[in-house]
Protein backbone atom coordinates (compact mmCIF):
# COMPACT_ATOMS: atom_id res chain seq x y z
CA MET A 1 26.95 26.80 -10.79
CA ILE A 2 26.30 23.07 -10.54
CA GLU A 3 24.96 23.00 -14.10
CA SER A 4 28.14 24.52 -15.49
CA PHE A 5 30.24 22.09 -13.44
CA PHE A 6 28.41 19.03 -14.74
CA ASN A 7 28.48 20.36 -18.30
CA LYS A 8 32.18 21.26 -18.10
CA TYR A 9 33.15 17.73 -17.08
CA LYS A 10 30.57 15.97 -19.20
CA LYS A 11 33.01 13.45 -20.66
CA ILE A 12 34.31 12.52 -17.21
CA PHE A 13 30.79 11.92 -15.93
CA ALA A 14 29.97 9.91 -19.06
CA GLY A 15 33.02 7.74 -18.36
CA ILE A 16 31.95 7.23 -14.72
CA PHE A 17 28.45 6.24 -15.82
CA ILE A 18 29.84 3.74 -18.35
CA ILE A 19 32.01 2.15 -15.66
CA GLY A 20 28.98 1.99 -13.37
CA ILE A 21 26.91 0.28 -16.09
CA PHE A 22 29.64 -2.29 -16.64
CA CYS A 23 29.91 -2.97 -12.90
CA ALA A 24 26.17 -3.60 -12.69
CA VAL A 25 25.69 -5.57 -15.90
CA VAL A 26 28.89 -7.52 -16.67
CA PRO A 27 28.81 -9.85 -13.61
CA VAL A 28 25.27 -10.91 -14.55
CA ILE A 29 26.27 -11.53 -18.18
CA VAL A 30 29.27 -13.57 -17.00
CA GLY A 31 26.96 -15.56 -14.72
CA CYS A 32 24.84 -16.48 -17.75
CA GLY A 33 27.88 -18.37 -19.04
CA TYR A 34 27.74 -20.68 -16.00
CA THR A 35 24.10 -21.72 -16.34
CA TYR A 36 22.70 -25.23 -16.83
CA LEU A 37 19.40 -27.08 -17.13
CA CYS A 38 17.15 -26.50 -14.10
CA GLU A 39 13.68 -27.49 -12.95
CA ASP A 40 11.18 -27.29 -15.87
CA ASP A 41 13.99 -27.24 -18.47
CA PHE A 42 14.25 -31.04 -18.39
CA SER A 43 10.54 -31.48 -19.07
CA PHE A 44 10.42 -28.98 -21.92
CA GLU A 45 13.61 -30.23 -23.60
CA GLY A 46 12.40 -33.83 -23.36
CA GLY A 47 8.92 -32.99 -24.62
CA ALA A 48 10.32 -30.99 -27.51
CA ALA A 49 12.64 -33.82 -28.53
CA ASP A 50 9.81 -36.37 -28.40
CA ALA A 51 7.52 -34.11 -30.45
CA ALA A 52 10.22 -33.56 -33.08
CA ASP A 53 10.58 -37.35 -33.45
CA VAL A 54 6.81 -37.80 -33.80
CA TYR A 55 6.20 -35.03 -36.36
CA GLY A 56 9.54 -35.23 -38.17
CA SER A 57 9.93 -31.45 -38.18
CA ASN A 58 10.96 -29.20 -35.36
CA VAL A 59 8.88 -26.33 -36.79
CA VAL A 60 5.71 -28.43 -36.99
CA ALA A 61 6.35 -30.14 -33.65
CA ALA A 62 6.72 -26.80 -31.87
CA ALA A 63 3.43 -25.61 -33.38
CA HIS A 64 1.61 -28.71 -32.13
CA LYS A 65 3.10 -28.31 -28.64
CA MET A 66 2.16 -24.63 -28.66
CA VAL A 67 -1.50 -25.50 -29.25
CA GLU A 68 -1.40 -28.33 -26.71
CA TYR A 69 0.03 -26.14 -23.95
CA TYR A 70 -2.37 -23.35 -24.87
CA ASN A 71 -5.28 -25.65 -24.13
CA VAL A 72 -4.02 -27.45 -21.04
CA ASN A 73 -1.36 -25.30 -19.36
CA GLN A 74 -1.09 -21.59 -20.21
CA GLY A 75 -1.87 -19.14 -22.98
CA THR A 76 1.73 -18.00 -23.48
CA TYR A 77 1.77 -18.75 -27.21
CA LEU A 78 5.21 -17.32 -28.01
CA PHE A 79 6.82 -19.04 -25.05
CA ASN A 80 4.98 -22.30 -25.81
CA TYR A 81 6.42 -22.24 -29.31
CA LEU A 82 9.95 -21.06 -28.60
CA ILE A 83 10.57 -23.45 -25.69
CA HIS A 84 9.82 -26.36 -28.02
CA PHE A 85 11.53 -24.89 -31.08
CA ILE A 86 14.85 -23.50 -29.82
CA ARG A 87 15.98 -26.55 -27.79
CA ALA A 88 19.23 -24.77 -26.93
CA TYR A 89 20.74 -27.62 -24.90
CA THR A 90 19.63 -30.48 -27.17
CA ARG A 91 20.98 -28.78 -30.26
CA GLY A 92 24.07 -27.05 -28.93
CA GLY A 93 24.95 -28.71 -25.63
CA LEU A 94 26.07 -26.43 -22.83
CA PRO A 95 27.99 -24.05 -25.18
CA GLY A 96 24.82 -23.50 -27.23
CA PHE A 97 22.81 -23.18 -24.04
CA HIS A 98 25.19 -20.51 -22.72
CA PHE A 99 25.08 -18.65 -26.03
CA TYR A 100 21.29 -18.37 -25.78
CA MET A 101 21.34 -17.35 -22.11
CA ILE A 102 23.95 -14.63 -22.71
CA LEU A 103 22.12 -13.43 -25.83
CA ASN A 104 18.82 -13.15 -23.96
CA ALA A 105 20.37 -11.08 -21.16
CA VAL A 106 22.34 -8.83 -23.53
CA ALA A 107 19.25 -8.27 -25.69
CA PHE A 108 17.33 -7.03 -22.64
CA CYS A 109 20.10 -4.59 -21.70
CA VAL A 110 20.41 -3.33 -25.27
CA ALA A 111 16.63 -2.94 -25.66
CA LEU A 112 16.46 -0.88 -22.47
CA MET A 113 19.32 1.38 -23.57
CA VAL A 114 17.74 1.81 -27.02
CA LEU A 115 14.50 3.02 -25.43
CA LEU A 116 16.38 5.35 -23.09
CA LYS A 117 18.37 6.80 -26.00
CA ILE A 118 15.14 7.47 -27.91
CA LEU A 119 13.66 9.23 -24.88
CA ILE A 120 16.85 11.05 -23.80
CA LYS A 121 18.78 12.85 -26.53
CA ASP A 122 21.77 13.95 -24.43
CA ASN A 123 24.34 11.13 -24.40
CA THR A 124 25.67 11.81 -20.91
CA ALA A 125 22.17 12.04 -19.46
CA CYS A 126 21.22 8.81 -21.24
CA LEU A 127 24.26 7.04 -19.80
CA GLY A 128 23.48 8.42 -16.35
CA ALA A 129 19.87 7.22 -16.53
CA SER A 130 21.05 3.82 -17.80
CA PHE A 131 23.46 3.49 -14.89
CA ALA A 132 20.80 4.45 -12.34
CA ILE A 133 18.28 1.96 -13.75
CA PHE A 134 20.75 -0.92 -14.20
CA ALA A 135 21.98 -0.37 -10.64
CA THR A 136 18.44 -0.84 -9.34
CA VAL A 137 17.73 -3.82 -11.61
CA PHE A 138 20.91 -5.72 -10.70
CA SER A 139 22.62 -4.16 -7.68
CA MET A 140 20.25 -3.83 -4.74
CA THR A 141 18.32 -5.92 -2.27
CA ASN A 142 16.05 -8.66 -3.66
CA THR A 143 17.60 -8.50 -7.14
CA PRO A 144 19.00 -12.06 -6.73
CA SER A 145 15.36 -13.03 -7.44
CA GLY A 146 16.32 -12.15 -11.00
CA ARG A 147 18.12 -15.48 -11.27
CA GLU A 148 14.78 -16.95 -12.38
CA LEU A 149 14.75 -14.50 -15.30
CA PHE A 150 18.45 -14.39 -16.21
CA TYR A 151 19.84 -17.76 -15.07
CA TRP A 152 16.89 -20.06 -15.73
CA TYR A 153 16.25 -21.04 -19.34
CA THR A 154 12.48 -21.53 -18.95
CA GLY A 155 12.04 -18.35 -16.91
CA GLY A 156 14.10 -16.32 -19.36
CA LEU A 157 11.99 -17.45 -22.31
CA ASN A 158 8.68 -16.79 -20.57
CA TYR A 159 9.52 -13.45 -18.96
CA LEU A 160 12.73 -11.77 -20.07
CA THR A 161 12.31 -12.39 -23.80
CA GLU A 162 8.83 -10.85 -23.83
CA LEU A 163 9.96 -7.92 -21.70
CA THR A 164 12.72 -7.25 -24.23
CA LEU A 165 10.30 -7.46 -27.15
CA GLY A 166 7.94 -5.09 -25.34
CA LEU A 167 10.68 -2.50 -24.84
CA LEU A 168 11.56 -2.69 -28.54
CA ALA A 169 7.90 -2.41 -29.56
CA VAL A 170 7.54 0.78 -27.51
CA SER A 171 10.77 2.19 -28.96
CA LEU A 172 9.65 1.64 -32.54
CA SER A 173 6.18 2.99 -31.79
CA ILE A 174 7.76 6.24 -30.60
CA LEU A 175 10.06 6.35 -33.63
CA TYR A 176 7.08 5.99 -35.97
CA ILE A 177 5.34 8.93 -34.32
CA ARG A 178 8.46 11.04 -34.76
CA LYS A 179 9.58 9.99 -38.25
CA LYS A 180 6.38 8.62 -39.84
CA LYS A 181 8.21 5.69 -41.43
CA ILE A 182 5.71 2.89 -41.89
CA GLY A 183 8.41 0.26 -41.35
CA TYR A 184 8.72 1.30 -37.71
CA LEU A 185 4.97 0.87 -37.25
CA VAL A 186 4.86 -2.56 -38.88
CA VAL A 187 7.78 -3.96 -36.90
CA SER A 188 6.43 -2.41 -33.69
CA ALA A 189 3.08 -4.15 -34.24
CA ILE A 190 4.77 -7.49 -34.94
CA LEU A 191 6.94 -7.21 -31.84
CA ALA A 192 3.90 -6.13 -29.79
CA PHE A 193 2.05 -9.29 -30.81
CA LEU A 194 5.04 -11.50 -30.04
CA ALA A 195 5.56 -9.76 -26.69
CA SER A 196 1.96 -10.64 -25.80
CA GLY A 197 2.81 -14.34 -25.93
CA GLY A 198 4.60 -14.59 -22.60
CA SER A 199 3.72 -14.55 -18.92
CA LEU A 200 0.64 -12.39 -18.42
CA ASN A 201 2.20 -10.06 -15.87
CA ILE A 202 4.87 -9.04 -18.39
CA VAL A 203 2.29 -8.94 -21.19
CA LEU A 204 0.09 -6.47 -19.32
CA ALA A 205 3.09 -4.26 -18.55
CA ASP A 206 4.01 -4.19 -22.26
CA LEU A 207 0.40 -3.39 -23.20
CA SER A 208 0.26 -0.60 -20.60
CA TRP A 209 3.34 1.07 -22.07
CA LEU A 210 1.96 1.00 -25.61
CA ILE A 211 -1.36 2.43 -24.44
CA ALA A 212 0.56 5.13 -22.54
CA VAL A 213 2.28 6.19 -25.76
CA VAL A 214 -1.11 6.73 -27.42
CA ILE A 215 -2.54 8.62 -24.42
CA LEU A 216 0.46 10.91 -24.06
CA LYS A 217 0.40 11.50 -27.82
CA ARG A 218 -3.36 11.98 -27.96
CA GLU A 219 -3.07 15.13 -30.10
CA GLU A 220 -1.02 13.16 -32.61
CA PHE A 221 -3.57 10.34 -32.43
CA ILE A 222 -6.31 12.71 -33.59
CA LYS A 223 -4.30 13.39 -36.75
CA ASP A 224 -2.93 9.86 -37.26
CA LYS A 225 -4.97 6.96 -35.89
CA LYS A 226 -2.28 4.50 -37.00
CA ILE A 227 -0.17 5.25 -33.93
CA ALA A 228 -2.62 3.09 -31.95
CA ILE A 229 -1.98 -0.01 -34.10
CA PRO A 230 0.82 -1.48 -31.89
CA ALA A 231 -1.34 -1.02 -28.78
CA GLY A 232 -4.33 -2.55 -30.59
CA VAL A 233 -2.30 -5.54 -31.76
CA SER A 234 -0.91 -5.96 -28.25
CA PHE A 235 -4.45 -5.90 -26.86
CA VAL A 236 -5.54 -8.63 -29.28
CA GLY A 237 -2.51 -10.73 -28.35
CA THR A 238 -3.25 -10.21 -24.67
CA LEU A 239 -6.82 -11.43 -25.18
CA ILE A 240 -5.60 -14.50 -27.06
CA ASN A 241 -3.19 -15.22 -24.22
CA GLY A 242 -5.54 -14.40 -21.34
CA LEU A 243 -8.54 -16.35 -22.65
CA ALA A 244 -6.60 -19.57 -23.14
CA PRO A 245 -8.35 -22.62 -21.63
CA GLY A 246 -5.02 -23.69 -20.15
CA ASN A 247 -4.85 -20.63 -17.90
CA TYR A 248 -8.11 -21.54 -16.17
CA ARG A 249 -7.33 -25.23 -15.90
CA ARG A 250 -4.02 -24.39 -14.28
CA ALA A 251 -5.54 -21.82 -11.92
CA GLU A 252 -8.30 -24.19 -10.78
CA LYS A 253 -5.79 -26.78 -9.60
CA ASP A 254 -4.82 -24.77 -6.54
CA LEU A 255 -7.81 -22.81 -5.29
CA LYS A 256 -7.28 -21.13 -1.92
CA GLU A 257 -9.98 -20.15 0.51
CA GLY A 258 -10.69 -16.43 0.35
CA HIS A 259 -8.60 -15.94 -2.80
CA SER A 260 -10.58 -17.62 -5.56
CA THR A 261 -12.63 -14.93 -7.34
CA PHE A 262 -11.81 -12.03 -9.63
CA PHE A 263 -12.75 -9.53 -6.91
CA ASP A 264 -10.55 -11.32 -4.38
CA ALA A 265 -7.66 -10.82 -6.79
CA LEU A 266 -8.41 -7.10 -7.09
CA ARG A 267 -8.00 -6.83 -3.32
CA ASP A 268 -4.98 -9.12 -3.16
CA THR A 269 -3.18 -7.07 -5.80
CA PHE A 270 -3.19 -4.00 -3.55
CA LYS A 271 -1.60 -6.03 -0.75
CA CYS A 272 1.11 -7.41 -3.02
CA ILE A 273 1.97 -4.00 -4.45
CA VAL A 274 2.35 -2.50 -0.98
CA SER A 275 4.52 -5.43 0.10
CA GLU A 276 6.81 -5.24 -2.95
CA ASP A 277 7.08 -1.45 -2.89
CA LYS A 278 8.19 -1.60 0.73
CA ILE A 279 11.18 -3.57 -0.50
CA LEU A 280 11.98 -0.87 -3.05
CA PHE A 281 11.65 2.11 -0.74
CA THR A 282 13.64 0.54 2.09
CA SER A 283 16.58 0.13 -0.30
CA ALA A 284 19.29 2.77 -0.03
CA VAL A 285 20.40 2.04 -3.59
CA PHE A 286 16.92 2.57 -5.02
CA ILE A 287 16.31 5.85 -3.22
CA LEU A 288 19.76 7.24 -4.09
CA MET A 289 19.44 6.22 -7.75
CA LEU A 290 16.09 8.00 -7.98
CA LEU A 291 17.71 11.15 -6.56
CA LEU A 292 20.67 10.78 -8.93
CA ALA A 293 18.31 10.39 -11.88
CA PHE A 294 16.41 13.53 -10.85
CA VAL A 295 19.66 15.52 -10.69
CA ILE A 296 20.76 14.22 -14.10
CA PHE A 297 17.40 14.94 -15.72
CA THR A 298 17.34 18.44 -14.23
CA ILE A 299 20.92 19.44 -14.99
CA TYR A 300 20.91 18.15 -18.58
CA LYS A 301 17.37 19.47 -19.19
CA VAL A 302 16.04 16.08 -20.25
CA LYS A 303 12.65 16.15 -21.99
CA VAL A 304 11.15 12.66 -22.09
CA LEU A 305 7.86 14.23 -23.19
CA GLU A 306 8.01 16.51 -26.21
CA GLY A 307 6.77 20.01 -25.57
CA LYS A 308 5.90 21.29 -22.12
CA VAL A 309 4.61 18.99 -19.40
CA THR A 310 1.12 20.13 -18.50
CA VAL A 311 -0.45 19.41 -15.14
CA LEU A 312 -2.79 17.01 -16.96
CA ASN A 313 0.12 15.07 -18.45
CA LEU A 314 1.83 14.95 -15.07
CA VAL A 315 -1.34 13.50 -13.52
CA ILE A 316 -1.68 11.03 -16.41
CA VAL A 317 1.88 9.82 -15.82
CA LEU A 318 1.36 9.48 -12.06
CA VAL A 319 -1.91 7.58 -12.49
CA GLY A 320 -0.72 5.62 -15.52
CA THR A 321 2.45 4.35 -13.90
CA TRP A 322 0.38 3.19 -10.92
CA PHE A 323 -1.97 1.27 -13.20
CA ALA A 324 0.99 -0.26 -15.07
CA ARG A 325 2.28 -1.62 -11.77
CA TYR A 326 -1.20 -2.79 -10.76
CA PHE A 327 -1.75 -4.62 -14.06
CA THR A 328 1.67 -6.25 -13.74
CA MET A 329 0.79 -7.64 -10.33
CA PHE A 330 -2.85 -8.60 -10.97
CA PRO A 331 -2.27 -11.79 -13.03
CA VAL A 332 0.01 -13.11 -10.27
CA CYS A 333 -2.65 -12.69 -7.59
CA PHE A 334 -5.48 -13.94 -9.81
CA GLY A 335 -3.60 -16.94 -11.20
CA TYR A 336 -1.99 -18.13 -7.97
CA HIS A 337 -4.86 -17.07 -5.66
CA VAL A 338 -2.51 -15.31 -3.24
CA ASP A 339 -2.05 -11.97 -1.50
CA GLU A 340 1.74 -12.29 -1.46
CA VAL A 341 4.31 -12.89 -4.18
CA ILE A 342 5.24 -16.55 -3.93
CA ASN A 343 8.11 -17.04 -6.38
CA MET A 344 11.21 -15.21 -7.51
CA ARG A 345 10.26 -14.69 -11.15
CA THR A 346 7.01 -12.84 -10.36
CA ALA A 347 8.70 -10.75 -7.67
CA SER A 348 11.59 -9.87 -9.96
CA SER A 349 9.45 -9.08 -13.00
CA TYR A 350 7.11 -6.86 -10.96
CA GLU A 351 10.02 -5.02 -9.35
CA ILE A 352 11.74 -4.41 -12.70
CA VAL A 353 8.54 -2.95 -14.16
CA ALA A 354 7.93 -0.90 -10.99
CA LYS A 355 11.46 0.50 -11.14
CA PHE A 356 10.94 1.56 -14.75
CA MET A 357 7.71 3.28 -13.77
CA TYR A 358 9.24 5.16 -10.83
CA PHE A 359 12.10 6.40 -13.00
CA LEU A 360 9.57 7.61 -15.57
CA VAL A 361 7.75 9.54 -12.84
CA VAL A 362 11.05 11.12 -11.74
CA ALA A 363 11.92 12.07 -15.32
CA VAL A 364 8.55 13.72 -16.00
CA LEU A 365 8.53 15.42 -12.60
CA ALA A 366 12.03 16.79 -13.22
CA GLN A 367 10.92 18.11 -16.60
CA PHE A 368 7.78 19.66 -15.10
CA LEU A 369 9.66 21.42 -12.29
CA SER A 370 12.38 22.63 -14.66
CA GLU A 371 9.76 24.21 -16.88
CA LYS A 372 7.74 25.63 -14.00
CA PHE A 373 10.74 27.08 -12.17
CA GLU A 374 12.80 28.03 -15.20
CA GLY A 375 16.02 29.70 -14.13
CA LYS A 376 15.96 28.03 -10.72
CA THR A 377 16.85 24.50 -11.84
CA ASP A 378 20.40 24.97 -10.60
CA ARG A 379 19.12 25.46 -7.06
CA ILE A 380 16.74 22.53 -7.32
CA ALA A 381 19.46 20.20 -8.59
CA THR A 382 21.92 21.42 -5.94
CA GLY A 383 19.40 20.80 -3.17
CA VAL A 384 18.55 17.30 -4.36
CA LEU A 385 22.22 16.43 -4.89
CA ALA A 386 23.10 17.66 -1.41
CA ALA A 387 20.26 15.64 0.06
CA GLY A 388 21.50 12.56 -1.82
CA VAL A 389 25.09 12.97 -0.61
CA LEU A 390 23.94 13.50 2.97
CA LEU A 391 21.67 10.46 2.76
CA ALA A 392 24.50 8.36 1.35
CA LEU A 393 26.75 9.36 4.26
CA ILE A 394 24.05 8.60 6.84
CA LEU A 395 23.14 5.30 5.20
CA HIS A 396 26.72 4.29 4.37
CA SER A 397 26.52 0.92 6.12
CA ALA A 398 23.04 0.17 4.79
CA LEU A 399 24.15 1.20 1.29
CA SER A 400 27.13 -1.15 1.38
CA GLU A 401 24.96 -4.00 2.64
CA ASP A 402 22.34 -3.23 -0.01
CA ILE A 403 24.89 -3.44 -2.82
CA LYS A 404 26.39 -6.67 -1.46
CA SER A 405 22.97 -8.28 -1.32
CA GLY A 406 22.39 -7.57 -5.01
CA MET A 407 22.61 -9.91 -7.98
CA SER A 408 25.63 -8.17 -9.52
CA TYR A 409 27.77 -8.43 -6.39
CA ALA A 410 26.63 -12.00 -5.67
CA SER A 411 27.65 -13.08 -9.18
CA TYR A 412 30.94 -11.21 -8.96
CA ASP A 413 31.75 -12.59 -5.49
CA ASP A 414 30.90 -16.16 -6.48
CA TYR A 415 33.19 -15.83 -9.49
CA ARG A 416 35.96 -14.20 -7.43
CA THR A 417 35.93 -16.95 -4.80
CA GLY A 418 35.61 -19.75 -7.35
CA ALA A 419 32.25 -20.90 -5.93
CA LEU A 420 30.55 -20.19 -9.26
CA GLN A 421 33.04 -22.36 -11.12
CA GLU A 422 32.80 -25.19 -8.57
CA ASN A 423 29.02 -25.10 -8.61
CA TYR A 424 29.00 -25.18 -12.41
CA ALA A 425 31.50 -28.06 -12.53
CA ALA A 426 29.25 -30.13 -10.26
CA ARG A 427 26.18 -29.42 -12.41
CA GLU A 428 28.11 -30.14 -15.61
CA TYR A 429 29.21 -33.47 -14.12
CA VAL A 430 25.58 -34.39 -13.38
CA LEU A 431 24.49 -33.60 -16.93
CA SER A 432 27.44 -35.48 -18.43
CA ALA A 433 26.80 -38.51 -16.23
CA LEU A 434 23.13 -38.56 -17.23
CA THR A 435 24.11 -38.34 -20.90
CA LEU A 436 26.52 -41.28 -20.56
CA ALA A 437 24.22 -43.45 -18.41
CA GLU A 438 22.92 -46.63 -20.04
CA LYS A 439 19.52 -46.09 -21.62
CA GLY A 440 16.66 -47.54 -19.60
CA SER A 441 18.78 -47.90 -16.46
CA ASP A 442 18.30 -46.60 -12.94
CA ALA A 443 20.93 -43.88 -12.85
CA VAL A 444 22.37 -43.06 -9.42
CA ILE A 445 24.93 -40.25 -9.50
CA TYR A 446 27.08 -39.24 -6.55
CA VAL A 447 28.33 -35.66 -6.54
CA ARG A 448 31.40 -34.74 -4.51
CA PRO A 449 31.16 -31.81 -2.06
CA TYR A 450 31.49 -28.39 -3.63
CA ARG A 451 31.01 -24.80 -2.60
CA PRO A 452 27.49 -23.72 -3.52
CA ALA A 453 27.15 -20.41 -5.37
CA TYR A 454 24.72 -17.94 -3.84
CA SER A 455 23.96 -16.29 -7.17
CA THR A 456 22.91 -19.38 -9.12
CA TYR A 457 19.62 -21.21 -9.50
CA GLY A 458 18.97 -24.71 -8.13
CA MET A 459 18.93 -27.66 -10.50
CA GLY A 460 15.91 -29.33 -8.91
CA LEU A 461 17.37 -32.84 -8.96
CA GLY A 462 17.74 -34.77 -5.70
CA VAL A 463 17.66 -38.20 -4.06
CA GLU A 464 13.94 -38.83 -4.59
CA ALA A 465 13.59 -40.57 -7.95
CA GLY A 466 9.82 -40.08 -7.85
CA GLU A 467 10.01 -36.28 -7.71
CA TRP A 468 8.73 -34.48 -10.79
CA VAL A 469 12.06 -32.97 -11.90
CA ASN A 470 13.84 -36.32 -11.45
CA ARG A 471 11.16 -38.02 -13.53
CA SER A 472 11.46 -35.30 -16.19
CA ALA A 473 15.23 -35.77 -16.35
CA ALA A 474 14.75 -39.54 -16.62
CA GLY A 475 12.38 -39.06 -19.55
CA PHE A 476 14.72 -36.60 -21.25
CA TYR A 477 17.74 -38.91 -21.04
CA ASP A 478 15.76 -42.12 -21.74
CA LEU A 479 16.42 -43.53 -18.28
CA ASN A 480 14.18 -45.53 -15.97
CA THR A 481 14.89 -43.40 -12.91
CA VAL A 482 17.32 -40.67 -11.88
CA THR A 483 18.74 -40.23 -8.37
CA ILE A 484 21.27 -37.54 -7.55
CA VAL A 485 23.12 -37.81 -4.23
CA TYR A 486 25.07 -34.74 -3.11
CA LEU A 487 27.75 -35.96 -0.71
CA GLU A 488 28.68 -34.00 2.38
CA GLU A 489 32.20 -33.49 3.71
């Protein structure tokens, strides 16, 4: 009965899912148009400009900076190159900067939907899955941590770009297996190598997904060993990244008692995973979206794995998705010597990967149960849907609060109230004043009171001229010192 209902009104449900996707995604994309230089951006833009002057070529300068950072800071070779090559603000001012930020966010959303479309043939089911995932990525508790990925230039280049490339590499790897067009394999391998040049937690997630494709297609692998090429290339890139001297020099700067060895990190990773997953499973939005996804996958008979799901494949998915989450968290604990996530970008990137993994588990479980209890899927879907509706009614207040604490709502509300525009105007004034300040001077800029925007990321500039970000801004704008005074009403 429920199957026929959902199939009868397929177009209506597709329309609802599209509206839901827009509600989750559009406010974040709009927020990207109100971004500005923050924190490390000043240092990287200034260093890139200086290097371009020294070497006379932006391409050559970026290569030299890539090698330098690889040896003294971190092994993120793609990020090290792009951050010194693109120079979005230096080349295009704030309009060019906004173009890049919007492009990076849109590319991520498109890459995710491309992968979902490859895995899910039914259009309505694909839209439903996209809505459920985007809602958890942007519209639930703790998602404002995503500002370090979507609203921070440096964070976006080091995390979001590589996550996008990884999703595309997996998509093309699957397409090669299905269509045997060598072009898919070549581009997948290239993207896999590029995706390995970012933050190691994202890199290991990307590598895990490519390995998973080979494992789940192990029968195909016996006939065609080439399907492992993207995973192999990704592994090589991961080694190049992970063995960089800069990683170890950076990690040794902040050793913490009881958290300094490889084995300490293995233990710490468990603690961090438990802590972060508590956030996910105490979210009404996350739980309800998982239930919604299960209903959609069951009703529309979604098969993310070709053929029947064996018990072995189900176990592989359950274990594999756990390892993917573990590998995503491990570099954070090992590099920072902590047993808790200490910054927004690592929390957000782990949670995004974890959400993907939990939705994959739900999809495979739904397929397994549909095959095992063929003819009874209508009852299963009805029961889960009823449980979801009942849970939504019971958790109505918590659900509303959950949505309002999300990144999408925060960006929308800041725009609606004008706080986003006021915040941006103040930041734009600071950047303009620094640009117009006399070279070599001690720039002191007073900023009139404005309404801060909850959704945005801090600039990092303050009254202490000796602070690192202030010194970076001074170097970028060829000033002696920079002091920013935010006046109070």
